[in-house]
Amino acid sequence: MVWGMFSWHDLGPLIHVEQGLNNTTYLSILADQVHHIMLMAYPSGDGFFQQDNAPCHGACIVQEWFQEHEGDFTLLRWPPQSPDLNPIEHLWDEVKRAIRQLVPQPSNLTELDSAIHQAWCQIPHITFQHLVESMPRRIATVLKAKGGPTKY
């Protein structure tokens, strides 16, 4: 499994997660990677961090960590049962398309990991900037649909 993040400014690191994303692994990613990146990108604390409804995101230790760091950035609340509007899914689609076009295809996990990282680094800035800029529109669409289906 690979975990990644991005902002309007840049792509974040890709982190290889060996045995699935559990509460403690996610907390380590937040503390060791996300916090530093958010402080650097948004030194005045005006950044937003979005996560989806993965079980580890709602863990008590994770929620406590966000409460301890609430002045550093804002956690965008994602209601349960909401449509999946996480824009990073579009970036994962870009990575998958790039890997599908490789000849030859990766033949082992090391080659696949390398291909994922290479595809990630080649995503144009305009792609993730448009995704960030689309968030107000996406949220308005979800509100208008009262949580029902949307085109996203």
C-alpha atoms as a PDB file:
ATOM      1  CA  MET A   1       0.000   0.000   0.000  1.00  0.00           C
ATOM      2  CA  VAL A   2       1.119   3.532  -0.731  1.00  0.00           C
ATOM      3  CA  TRP A   3      -0.087   6.614   1.144  1.00  0.00           C
ATOM      4  CA  GLY A   4       0.208  10.078  -0.356  1.00  0.00           C
ATOM      5  CA  MET A   5      -0.879  13.663   0.056  1.00  0.00           C
ATOM      6  CA  PHE A   6      -0.874  16.864  -1.952  1.00  0.00           C
ATOM      7  CA  SER A   7      -1.708  20.530  -1.662  1.00  0.00           C
ATOM      8  CA  TRP A   8      -2.186  23.334  -4.127  1.00  0.00           C
ATOM      9  CA  HIS A   9       1.544  24.016  -3.777  1.00  0.00           C
ATOM     10  CA  ASP A  10       3.000  20.588  -4.400  1.00  0.00           C
ATOM     11  CA  LEU A  11       2.756  16.835  -4.205  1.00  0.00           C
ATOM     12  CA  GLY A  12       3.675  15.371  -0.854  1.00  0.00           C
ATOM     13  CA  PRO A  13       5.756  12.293  -0.282  1.00  0.00           C
ATOM     14  CA  LEU A  14       4.582   8.803  -1.068  1.00  0.00           C
ATOM     15  CA  ILE A  15       4.904   6.529   1.923  1.00  0.00           C
ATOM     16  CA  HIS A  16       5.097   2.789   1.482  1.00  0.00           C
ATOM     17  CA  VAL A  17       2.885   1.133   4.107  1.00  0.00           C
ATOM     18  CA  GLU A  18       3.952  -2.468   4.671  1.00  0.00           C
ATOM     19  CA  GLN A  19       0.944  -4.125   6.294  1.00  0.00           C
ATOM     20  CA  GLY A  20      -2.047  -1.874   5.783  1.00  0.00           C
ATOM     21  CA  LEU A  21      -2.911   1.430   7.320  1.00  0.00           C
ATOM     22  CA  ASN A  22      -3.832   1.022  10.979  1.00  0.00           C
ATOM     23  CA  ASN A  23      -4.255   3.601  13.744  1.00  0.00           C
ATOM     24  CA  THR A  24      -0.624   3.672  14.865  1.00  0.00           C
ATOM     25  CA  THR A  25       0.799   3.687  11.335  1.00  0.00           C
ATOM     26  CA  TYR A  26      -1.482   6.565  10.345  1.00  0.00           C
ATOM     27  CA  LEU A  27      -0.603   8.462  13.521  1.00  0.00           C
ATOM     28  CA  SER A  28       3.092   8.058  12.683  1.00  0.00           C
ATOM     29  CA  ILE A  29       2.494   9.422   9.181  1.00  0.00           C
ATOM     30  CA  LEU A  30       0.639  12.398  10.619  1.00  0.00           C
ATOM     31  CA  ALA A  31       3.311  13.152  13.202  1.00  0.00           C
ATOM     32  CA  ASP A  32       6.371  12.444  11.054  1.00  0.00           C
ATOM     33  CA  GLN A  33       5.231  13.748   7.654  1.00  0.00           C
ATOM     34  CA  VAL A  34       1.927  15.610   7.552  1.00  0.00           C
ATOM     35  CA  HIS A  35       2.553  17.951  10.468  1.00  0.00           C
ATOM     36  CA  HIS A  36       5.872  19.175   9.115  1.00  0.00           C
ATOM     37  CA  ILE A  37       4.533  19.593   5.579  1.00  0.00           C
ATOM     38  CA  MET A  38       1.468  21.513   6.766  1.00  0.00           C
ATOM     39  CA  LEU A  39       3.602  23.836   8.917  1.00  0.00           C
ATOM     40  CA  MET A  40       5.929  24.522   5.996  1.00  0.00           C
ATOM     41  CA  ALA A  41       3.163  25.043   3.415  1.00  0.00           C
ATOM     42  CA  TYR A  42       0.830  26.973   5.728  1.00  0.00           C
ATOM     43  CA  PRO A  43       2.944  28.703   8.403  1.00  0.00           C
ATOM     44  CA  SER A  44       0.046  30.922   9.457  1.00  0.00           C
ATOM     45  CA  GLY A  45      -2.139  27.876  10.221  1.00  0.00           C
ATOM     46  CA  ASP A  46      -4.628  28.560   7.414  1.00  0.00           C
ATOM     47  CA  GLY A  47      -4.233  25.201   5.660  1.00  0.00           C
ATOM     48  CA  PHE A  48      -6.900  22.527   5.477  1.00  0.00           C
ATOM     49  CA  PHE A  49      -6.215  18.823   5.768  1.00  0.00           C
ATOM     50  CA  GLN A  50      -8.716  16.420   4.280  1.00  0.00           C
ATOM     51  CA  GLN A  51      -8.995  12.732   4.947  1.00  0.00           C
ATOM     52  CA  ASP A  52     -11.696  10.274   4.027  1.00  0.00           C
ATOM     53  CA  ASN A  53     -13.621   7.947   6.301  1.00  0.00           C
ATOM     54  CA  ALA A  54     -11.053   5.173   6.588  1.00  0.00           C
ATOM     55  CA  PRO A  55     -11.435   3.513   9.998  1.00  0.00           C
ATOM     56  CA  CYS A  56      -7.976   4.598  11.171  1.00  0.00           C
ATOM     57  CA  HIS A  57      -8.896   8.255  10.533  1.00  0.00           C
ATOM     58  CA  GLY A  58     -11.586   8.111  13.201  1.00  0.00           C
ATOM     59  CA  ALA A  59      -9.482   6.357  15.833  1.00  0.00           C
ATOM     60  CA  CYS A  60      -9.377   8.073  19.218  1.00  0.00           C
ATOM     61  CA  ILE A  61      -5.591   8.460  19.170  1.00  0.00           C
ATOM     62  CA  VAL A  62      -5.778  10.066  15.729  1.00  0.00           C
ATOM     63  CA  GLN A  63      -8.601  12.426  16.732  1.00  0.00           C
ATOM     64  CA  GLU A  64      -6.676  13.386  19.873  1.00  0.00           C
ATOM     65  CA  TRP A  65      -3.612  14.176  17.754  1.00  0.00           C
ATOM     66  CA  PHE A  66      -5.675  16.478  15.534  1.00  0.00           C
ATOM     67  CA  GLN A  67      -7.108  18.220  18.613  1.00  0.00           C
ATOM     68  CA  GLU A  68      -3.591  18.787  19.972  1.00  0.00           C
ATOM     69  CA  HIS A  69      -2.572  20.397  16.658  1.00  0.00           C
ATOM     70  CA  GLU A  70      -5.781  22.270  15.804  1.00  0.00           C
ATOM     71  CA  GLY A  71      -4.019  25.646  15.713  1.00  0.00           C
ATOM     72  CA  ASP A  72      -1.546  24.430  13.102  1.00  0.00           C
ATOM     73  CA  PHE A  73      -4.152  23.691  10.416  1.00  0.00           C
ATOM     74  CA  THR A  74      -7.834  22.858  10.087  1.00  0.00           C
ATOM     75  CA  LEU A  75      -9.061  19.312   9.717  1.00  0.00           C
ATOM     76  CA  LEU A  76     -11.832  19.316   7.141  1.00  0.00           C
ATOM     77  CA  ARG A  77     -14.638  17.334   8.723  1.00  0.00           C
ATOM     78  CA  TRP A  78     -15.981  14.590   6.517  1.00  0.00           C
ATOM     79  CA  PRO A  79     -19.399  13.345   7.600  1.00  0.00           C
ATOM     80  CA  PRO A  80     -20.082   9.607   7.779  1.00  0.00           C
ATOM     81  CA  GLN A  81     -21.793   8.116   4.745  1.00  0.00           C
ATOM     82  CA  SER A  82     -20.711  11.058   2.589  1.00  0.00           C
ATOM     83  CA  PRO A  83     -19.962  10.609  -1.096  1.00  0.00           C
ATOM     84  CA  ASP A  84     -16.306   9.944  -1.763  1.00  0.00           C
ATOM     85  CA  LEU A  85     -15.161  13.349  -2.939  1.00  0.00           C
ATOM     86  CA  ASN A  86     -11.569  13.005  -1.884  1.00  0.00           C
ATOM     87  CA  PRO A  87      -9.656  14.622  -4.753  1.00  0.00           C
ATOM     88  CA  ILE A  88      -6.600  12.430  -4.264  1.00  0.00           C
ATOM     89  CA  GLU A  89      -8.554   9.621  -5.918  1.00  0.00           C
ATOM     90  CA  HIS A  90      -8.125  11.526  -9.183  1.00  0.00           C
ATOM     91  CA  LEU A  91      -4.361  11.545  -8.677  1.00  0.00           C
ATOM     92  CA  TRP A  92      -4.347   7.802  -8.015  1.00  0.00           C
ATOM     93  CA  ASP A  93      -6.224   7.406 -11.313  1.00  0.00           C
ATOM     94  CA  GLU A  94      -3.454   9.394 -13.036  1.00  0.00           C
ATOM     95  CA  VAL A  95      -0.849   7.078 -11.505  1.00  0.00           C
ATOM     96  CA  LYS A  96      -2.786   3.954 -12.546  1.00  0.00           C
ATOM     97  CA  ARG A  97      -3.148   5.214 -16.133  1.00  0.00           C
ATOM     98  CA  ALA A  98       0.571   5.944 -16.349  1.00  0.00           C
ATOM     99  CA  ILE A  99       1.467   2.491 -15.038  1.00  0.00           C
ATOM    100  CA  ARG A 100      -0.956   0.752 -17.433  1.00  0.00           C
ATOM    101  CA  GLN A 101       0.895   2.411 -20.324  1.00  0.00           C
ATOM    102  CA  LEU A 102       4.302   1.076 -19.308  1.00  0.00           C
ATOM    103  CA  VAL A 103       5.957  -1.448 -21.588  1.00  0.00           C
ATOM    104  CA  PRO A 104       7.023  -3.739 -20.148  1.00  0.00           C
ATOM    105  CA  GLN A 105       4.717  -3.739 -17.155  1.00  0.00           C
ATOM    106  CA  PRO A 106       6.303  -3.903 -13.685  1.00  0.00           C
ATOM    107  CA  SER A 107       6.959  -7.552 -12.921  1.00  0.00           C
ATOM    108  CA  ASN A 108       7.545  -7.397  -9.167  1.00  0.00           C
ATOM    109  CA  LEU A 109       6.804  -5.201  -6.149  1.00  0.00           C
ATOM    110  CA  THR A 110      10.084  -3.304  -6.386  1.00  0.00           C
ATOM    111  CA  GLU A 111       9.420  -2.361 -10.009  1.00  0.00           C
ATOM    112  CA  LEU A 112       5.818  -1.465  -9.195  1.00  0.00           C
ATOM    113  CA  ASP A 113       6.908   0.751  -6.291  1.00  0.00           C
ATOM    114  CA  SER A 114       9.402   2.502  -8.558  1.00  0.00           C
ATOM    115  CA  ALA A 115       6.763   2.966 -11.286  1.00  0.00           C
ATOM    116  CA  ILE A 116       4.283   4.409  -8.783  1.00  0.00           C
ATOM    117  CA  HIS A 117       6.838   6.915  -7.517  1.00  0.00           C
ATOM    118  CA  GLN A 118       7.867   7.899 -11.025  1.00  0.00           C
ATOM    119  CA  ALA A 119       4.243   8.357 -12.155  1.00  0.00           C
ATOM    120  CA  TRP A 120       3.486  10.376  -9.005  1.00  0.00           C
ATOM    121  CA  CYS A 121       6.405  12.742  -9.606  1.00  0.00           C
ATOM    122  CA  GLN A 122       5.301  13.326 -13.206  1.00  0.00           C
ATOM    123  CA  ILE A 123       1.815  14.584 -12.314  1.00  0.00           C
ATOM    124  CA  PRO A 124       1.684  18.177 -13.586  1.00  0.00           C
ATOM    125  CA  HIS A 125       1.165  20.974 -11.050  1.00  0.00           C
ATOM    126  CA  ILE A 126      -1.919  22.146 -12.919  1.00  0.00           C
ATOM    127  CA  THR A 127      -3.588  18.782 -12.287  1.00  0.00           C
ATOM    128  CA  PHE A 128      -3.478  18.960  -8.504  1.00  0.00           C
ATOM    129  CA  GLN A 129      -4.033  22.715  -8.459  1.00  0.00           C
ATOM    130  CA  HIS A 130      -7.304  22.235 -10.349  1.00  0.00           C
ATOM    131  CA  LEU A 131      -8.325  19.544  -7.869  1.00  0.00           C
ATOM    132  CA  VAL A 132      -7.731  21.874  -4.918  1.00  0.00           C
ATOM    133  CA  GLU A 133      -9.571  24.699  -6.676  1.00  0.00           C
ATOM    134  CA  SER A 134     -12.522  22.351  -7.273  1.00  0.00           C
ATOM    135  CA  MET A 135     -13.135  21.711  -3.551  1.00  0.00           C
ATOM    136  CA  PRO A 136     -15.531  24.619  -2.869  1.00  0.00           C
ATOM    137  CA  ARG A 137     -17.572  23.554  -5.897  1.00  0.00           C
ATOM    138  CA  ARG A 138     -17.519  19.902  -4.805  1.00  0.00           C
ATOM    139  CA  ILE A 139     -18.630  20.762  -1.273  1.00  0.00           C
ATOM    140  CA  ALA A 140     -21.403  23.034  -2.567  1.00  0.00           C
ATOM    141  CA  THR A 141     -22.594  20.215  -4.828  1.00  0.00           C
ATOM    142  CA  VAL A 142     -22.727  17.768  -1.908  1.00  0.00           C
ATOM    143  CA  LEU A 143     -24.638  20.291   0.201  1.00  0.00           C
ATOM    144  CA  LYS A 144     -27.082  20.970  -2.626  1.00  0.00           C
ATOM    145  CA  ALA A 145     -27.639  17.222  -3.064  1.00  0.00           C
ATOM    146  CA  LYS A 146     -28.096  16.916   0.723  1.00  0.00           C
ATOM    147  CA  GLY A 147     -25.465  14.196   0.786  1.00  0.00           C
ATOM    148  CA  GLY A 148     -26.985  12.321  -2.147  1.00  0.00           C
ATOM    149  CA  PRO A 149     -25.256  11.273  -5.348  1.00  0.00           C
ATOM    150  CA  THR A 150     -23.208  13.842  -7.257  1.00  0.00           C
ATOM    151  CA  LYS A 151     -21.255  13.800 -10.501  1.00  0.00           C
ATOM    152  CA  TYR A 152     -18.062  13.531  -8.475  1.00  0.00           C
END
